Amino acid sequence: MRLKQTVIEESDFVEVAKTSEIERGKMKRVAIKGVDILVANVDGNFYAVDDRCGHMNAMLSMGTLTGRIVVCPFHFAEFDVTTGKKVKDPHEESFGNLERFPEDLQKLMIYAKKLVDPVKTYDIQTHEVKVEEDKIFIRL
């Protein structure tokens, strides 16, 4: 007996969560075909964006969501989850007060900051979301 193999086409929606799993003002990380996706609940509406910061590739789902703005946990760049647009560049304060660290680590962090500062911050990709009953579907 041969089993029928289902192939997911790019145009197909994939179920990623139940609406009850993502409360208002919260977000969840899911993976679809090797792509990390952040699903956010903004006032009862669901949005999906790539779960990687457009600056240094950190996981946005580890950051914070305030309204429709997700803040990267690494350098605090901000993105609108409804559009994927960058709304604020990374903050210089992300390295904090270096004097609290040993001198060798301070030098390393200063060097790392020099490497990171010129990195451009890009918008993040959005993905189409469909909600049917209590199920959230995303199309890549």
C-alpha atoms as a PDB file:
ATOM      1  CA  MET A   1       0.000   0.000   0.000  1.00  0.00           C
ATOM      2  CA  ARG A   2       1.424   3.408  -0.998  1.00  0.00           C
ATOM      3  CA  LEU A   3       0.817   6.393   1.217  1.00  0.00           C
ATOM      4  CA  LYS A   4      -0.062   9.602  -0.520  1.00  0.00           C
ATOM      5  CA  GLN A   5       2.575  12.244   0.152  1.00  0.00           C
ATOM      6  CA  THR A   6       1.351  15.790   0.609  1.00  0.00           C
ATOM      7  CA  VAL A   7       3.570  18.504  -0.804  1.00  0.00           C
ATOM      8  CA  ILE A   8       3.114  21.983   0.615  1.00  0.00           C
ATOM      9  CA  GLU A   9       3.228  24.573  -2.139  1.00  0.00           C
ATOM     10  CA  GLU A  10       4.409  28.144  -1.560  1.00  0.00           C
ATOM     11  CA  SER A  11       0.831  29.294  -2.036  1.00  0.00           C
ATOM     12  CA  ASP A  12      -0.503  26.996   0.696  1.00  0.00           C
ATOM     13  CA  PHE A  13      -1.306  28.132   4.194  1.00  0.00           C
ATOM     14  CA  VAL A  14       0.186  26.171   7.095  1.00  0.00           C
ATOM     15  CA  GLU A  15      -1.509  25.900  10.489  1.00  0.00           C
ATOM     16  CA  VAL A  16       0.872  27.267  13.117  1.00  0.00           C
ATOM     17  CA  ALA A  17      -1.144  27.774  16.309  1.00  0.00           C
ATOM     18  CA  LYS A  18      -4.519  28.074  17.969  1.00  0.00           C
ATOM     19  CA  THR A  19      -5.779  31.572  18.720  1.00  0.00           C
ATOM     20  CA  SER A  20      -5.969  30.655  22.415  1.00  0.00           C
ATOM     21  CA  GLU A  21      -2.208  29.987  22.464  1.00  0.00           C
ATOM     22  CA  ILE A  22      -1.297  33.630  21.803  1.00  0.00           C
ATOM     23  CA  GLU A  23      -2.968  36.085  24.173  1.00  0.00           C
ATOM     24  CA  ARG A  24      -3.467  39.760  23.267  1.00  0.00           C
ATOM     25  CA  GLY A  25      -0.155  41.594  23.446  1.00  0.00           C
ATOM     26  CA  LYS A  26       1.848  38.353  23.268  1.00  0.00           C
ATOM     27  CA  MET A  27       3.828  36.609  20.566  1.00  0.00           C
ATOM     28  CA  LYS A  28       4.982  33.119  19.699  1.00  0.00           C
ATOM     29  CA  ARG A  29       7.863  31.713  17.659  1.00  0.00           C
ATOM     30  CA  VAL A  30       7.076  29.035  15.081  1.00  0.00           C
ATOM     31  CA  ALA A  31       9.160  27.415  12.351  1.00  0.00           C
ATOM     32  CA  ILE A  32       7.813  26.733   8.861  1.00  0.00           C
ATOM     33  CA  LYS A  33      10.011  25.014   6.300  1.00  0.00           C
ATOM     34  CA  GLY A  34      13.125  26.086   8.165  1.00  0.00           C
ATOM     35  CA  VAL A  35      12.009  29.721   8.461  1.00  0.00           C
ATOM     36  CA  ASP A  36      11.666  31.205  11.956  1.00  0.00           C
ATOM     37  CA  ILE A  37       8.402  33.156  12.178  1.00  0.00           C
ATOM     38  CA  LEU A  38       7.070  35.399  14.934  1.00  0.00           C
ATOM     39  CA  VAL A  39       3.281  35.406  15.312  1.00  0.00           C
ATOM     40  CA  ALA A  40       1.945  38.376  17.286  1.00  0.00           C
ATOM     41  CA  ASN A  41      -1.506  39.110  18.671  1.00  0.00           C
ATOM     42  CA  VAL A  42      -2.141  42.850  18.385  1.00  0.00           C
ATOM     43  CA  ASP A  43      -5.570  43.775  19.760  1.00  0.00           C
ATOM     44  CA  GLY A  44      -7.026  40.414  18.705  1.00  0.00           C
ATOM     45  CA  ASN A  45      -5.537  40.519  15.203  1.00  0.00           C
ATOM     46  CA  PHE A  46      -2.728  38.161  14.286  1.00  0.00           C
ATOM     47  CA  TYR A  47       0.363  39.157  12.324  1.00  0.00           C
ATOM     48  CA  ALA A  48       3.366  37.149  11.170  1.00  0.00           C
ATOM     49  CA  VAL A  49       6.887  38.403  10.454  1.00  0.00           C
ATOM     50  CA  ASP A  50      10.297  36.816  10.179  1.00  0.00           C
ATOM     51  CA  ASP A  51      11.571  36.138  13.700  1.00  0.00           C
ATOM     52  CA  ARG A  52      15.000  37.554  12.947  1.00  0.00           C
ATOM     53  CA  CYS A  53      16.058  41.119  13.597  1.00  0.00           C
ATOM     54  CA  GLY A  54      16.904  43.088  10.478  1.00  0.00           C
ATOM     55  CA  HIS A  55      20.078  44.299  12.190  1.00  0.00           C
ATOM     56  CA  MET A  56      22.036  41.437  13.725  1.00  0.00           C
ATOM     57  CA  ASN A  57      19.672  38.473  13.196  1.00  0.00           C
ATOM     58  CA  ALA A  58      18.651  38.066  16.869  1.00  0.00           C
ATOM     59  CA  MET A  59      15.366  36.276  17.595  1.00  0.00           C
ATOM     60  CA  LEU A  60      12.704  38.966  17.927  1.00  0.00           C
ATOM     61  CA  SER A  61      10.409  36.563  19.796  1.00  0.00           C
ATOM     62  CA  MET A  62      12.826  36.840  22.725  1.00  0.00           C
ATOM     63  CA  GLY A  63      12.213  40.599  22.820  1.00  0.00           C
ATOM     64  CA  THR A  64       9.180  42.559  23.937  1.00  0.00           C
ATOM     65  CA  LEU A  65       5.953  43.483  22.201  1.00  0.00           C
ATOM     66  CA  THR A  66       4.287  46.788  23.051  1.00  0.00           C
ATOM     67  CA  GLY A  67       1.233  47.450  20.944  1.00  0.00           C
ATOM     68  CA  ARG A  68       2.351  46.610  17.431  1.00  0.00           C
ATOM     69  CA  ILE A  69       6.058  47.293  18.063  1.00  0.00           C
ATOM     70  CA  VAL A  70       8.470  44.444  18.747  1.00  0.00           C
ATOM     71  CA  VAL A  71      11.797  45.390  20.336  1.00  0.00           C
ATOM     72  CA  CYS A  72      14.869  43.300  19.572  1.00  0.00           C
ATOM     73  CA  PRO A  73      16.421  41.842  22.739  1.00  0.00           C
ATOM     74  CA  PHE A  74      19.981  42.351  21.471  1.00  0.00           C
ATOM     75  CA  HIS A  75      20.402  45.975  20.344  1.00  0.00           C
ATOM     76  CA  PHE A  76      16.829  47.222  20.869  1.00  0.00           C
ATOM     77  CA  ALA A  77      15.967  47.953  17.245  1.00  0.00           C
ATOM     78  CA  GLU A  78      12.187  48.318  16.855  1.00  0.00           C
ATOM     79  CA  PHE A  79       9.884  46.939  14.160  1.00  0.00           C
ATOM     80  CA  ASP A  80       6.170  47.248  13.413  1.00  0.00           C
ATOM     81  CA  VAL A  81       4.784  43.683  13.284  1.00  0.00           C
ATOM     82  CA  THR A  82       1.850  44.821  11.134  1.00  0.00           C
ATOM     83  CA  THR A  83       4.085  46.086   8.306  1.00  0.00           C
ATOM     84  CA  GLY A  84       7.567  44.680   9.003  1.00  0.00           C
ATOM     85  CA  LYS A  85       8.977  48.210   8.811  1.00  0.00           C
ATOM     86  CA  LYS A  86      11.867  49.298  11.012  1.00  0.00           C
ATOM     87  CA  VAL A  87      10.644  52.119  13.222  1.00  0.00           C
ATOM     88  CA  LYS A  88      13.792  52.699  15.256  1.00  0.00           C
ATOM     89  CA  ASP A  89      17.471  51.905  14.779  1.00  0.00           C
ATOM     90  CA  PRO A  90      19.393  49.989  17.461  1.00  0.00           C
ATOM     91  CA  HIS A  91      20.128  51.953  20.630  1.00  0.00           C
ATOM     92  CA  GLU A  92      23.711  52.817  21.463  1.00  0.00           C
ATOM     93  CA  GLU A  93      22.919  52.129  25.117  1.00  0.00           C
ATOM     94  CA  SER A  94      22.590  48.418  24.332  1.00  0.00           C
ATOM     95  CA  PHE A  95      26.145  47.881  25.541  1.00  0.00           C
ATOM     96  CA  GLY A  96      25.358  49.667  28.811  1.00  0.00           C
ATOM     97  CA  ASN A  97      27.919  51.007  31.250  1.00  0.00           C
ATOM     98  CA  LEU A  98      31.134  49.209  30.322  1.00  0.00           C
ATOM     99  CA  GLU A  99      32.931  50.274  33.497  1.00  0.00           C
ATOM    100  CA  ARG A 100      31.166  47.492  35.408  1.00  0.00           C
ATOM    101  CA  PHE A 101      33.085  44.883  33.396  1.00  0.00           C
ATOM    102  CA  PRO A 102      36.734  43.777  33.709  1.00  0.00           C
ATOM    103  CA  GLU A 103      39.115  45.788  31.512  1.00  0.00           C
ATOM    104  CA  ASP A 104      39.749  42.946  29.034  1.00  0.00           C
ATOM    105  CA  LEU A 105      36.010  42.490  28.500  1.00  0.00           C
ATOM    106  CA  GLN A 106      35.549  46.258  28.113  1.00  0.00           C
ATOM    107  CA  LYS A 107      38.092  46.256  25.268  1.00  0.00           C
ATOM    108  CA  LEU A 108      36.326  43.352  23.587  1.00  0.00           C
ATOM    109  CA  MET A 109      32.919  45.057  23.898  1.00  0.00           C
ATOM    110  CA  ILE A 110      34.297  48.344  22.512  1.00  0.00           C
ATOM    111  CA  TYR A 111      35.716  46.422  19.548  1.00  0.00           C
ATOM    112  CA  ALA A 112      32.396  44.568  19.062  1.00  0.00           C
ATOM    113  CA  LYS A 113      30.533  47.892  19.119  1.00  0.00           C
ATOM    114  CA  LYS A 114      32.809  49.241  16.369  1.00  0.00           C
ATOM    115  CA  LEU A 115      31.948  46.200  14.259  1.00  0.00           C
ATOM    116  CA  VAL A 116      28.211  46.443  14.915  1.00  0.00           C
ATOM    117  CA  ASP A 117      27.641  50.202  14.595  1.00  0.00           C
ATOM    118  CA  PRO A 118      27.934  50.408  10.786  1.00  0.00           C
ATOM    119  CA  VAL A 119      25.620  47.417  10.209  1.00  0.00           C
ATOM    120  CA  LYS A 120      22.477  48.628   8.429  1.00  0.00           C
ATOM    121  CA  THR A 121      19.095  47.678   9.902  1.00  0.00           C
ATOM    122  CA  TYR A 122      16.614  46.327   7.351  1.00  0.00           C
ATOM    123  CA  ASP A 123      12.844  45.936   7.464  1.00  0.00           C
ATOM    124  CA  ILE A 124      11.639  42.421   8.221  1.00  0.00           C
ATOM    125  CA  GLN A 125       9.473  40.304   5.962  1.00  0.00           C
ATOM    126  CA  THR A 126       5.781  39.930   6.713  1.00  0.00           C
ATOM    127  CA  HIS A 127       3.714  36.828   5.982  1.00  0.00           C
ATOM    128  CA  GLU A 128       0.047  36.500   5.146  1.00  0.00           C
ATOM    129  CA  VAL A 129      -2.106  35.299   8.052  1.00  0.00           C
ATOM    130  CA  LYS A 130      -5.521  33.661   7.916  1.00  0.00           C
ATOM    131  CA  VAL A 131      -7.656  32.757  10.944  1.00  0.00           C
ATOM    132  CA  GLU A 132     -10.359  30.122  10.622  1.00  0.00           C
ATOM    133  CA  GLU A 133     -12.358  29.340  13.736  1.00  0.00           C
ATOM    134  CA  ASP A 134      -9.638  28.973  16.386  1.00  0.00           C
ATOM    135  CA  LYS A 135      -6.757  28.148  14.024  1.00  0.00           C
ATOM    136  CA  ILE A 136      -4.026  30.481  12.788  1.00  0.00           C
ATOM    137  CA  PHE A 137      -2.583  29.792   9.334  1.00  0.00           C
ATOM    138  CA  ILE A 138       0.436  31.422   7.693  1.00  0.00           C
ATOM    139  CA  ARG A 139       1.569  31.475   4.095  1.00  0.00           C
ATOM    140  CA  LEU A 140       5.273  32.005   3.405  1.00  0.00           C
END
